[in-house]
Amino acid sequence: QAQLVEDGGGSVQEGGSLRLSCAASGLTFSDVALGWFRQAPGKEREFVSAISRNGEDTYYADSVKGRATVSRDNALNMVYLQMNSLKTDDTAVYYCAARATRVYSAYYSQTNQYPYWGQGTQVTVSS
């Protein structure tokens, strides 16, 4: 059974950085595209970033573009999200998600495109 476990969240001052990680098991990691989403209190879950199977194609929400970097290590079954210049608006629970795809370069930005989800890690940015 597929399992995704996020780590790396925490509390940070505005302008700081965090590196989120997500460990995957129970699936063929090199066959999946991955995404990061977040959900703030009272808001819907929103797309943050995505990365293709081969790691060569990445995609970012406008709200994090230039401040976030997504990467993956297929040898370790890990995906990462480096967030810099954090803002209070980045405060949310961050989730990683996975879906199998036959297309090496594909990435996905909709929550309903991902069948596998982690439980989330809290990121709190204070001013």
Foldseek 3Di string as FASTA:
>chain_A
DKAKAKDWADEEEQQAKIKMKIAIDDDQQLQKKKFKWWDDPPDDIFGAKIAFSVRPEMDGDPVQPPFWDWGDDSVRRMIMIIGGSHDQVPWTWMKMFIDGDPDRGDIDTDPVRGPYIHPTDTHGYHD
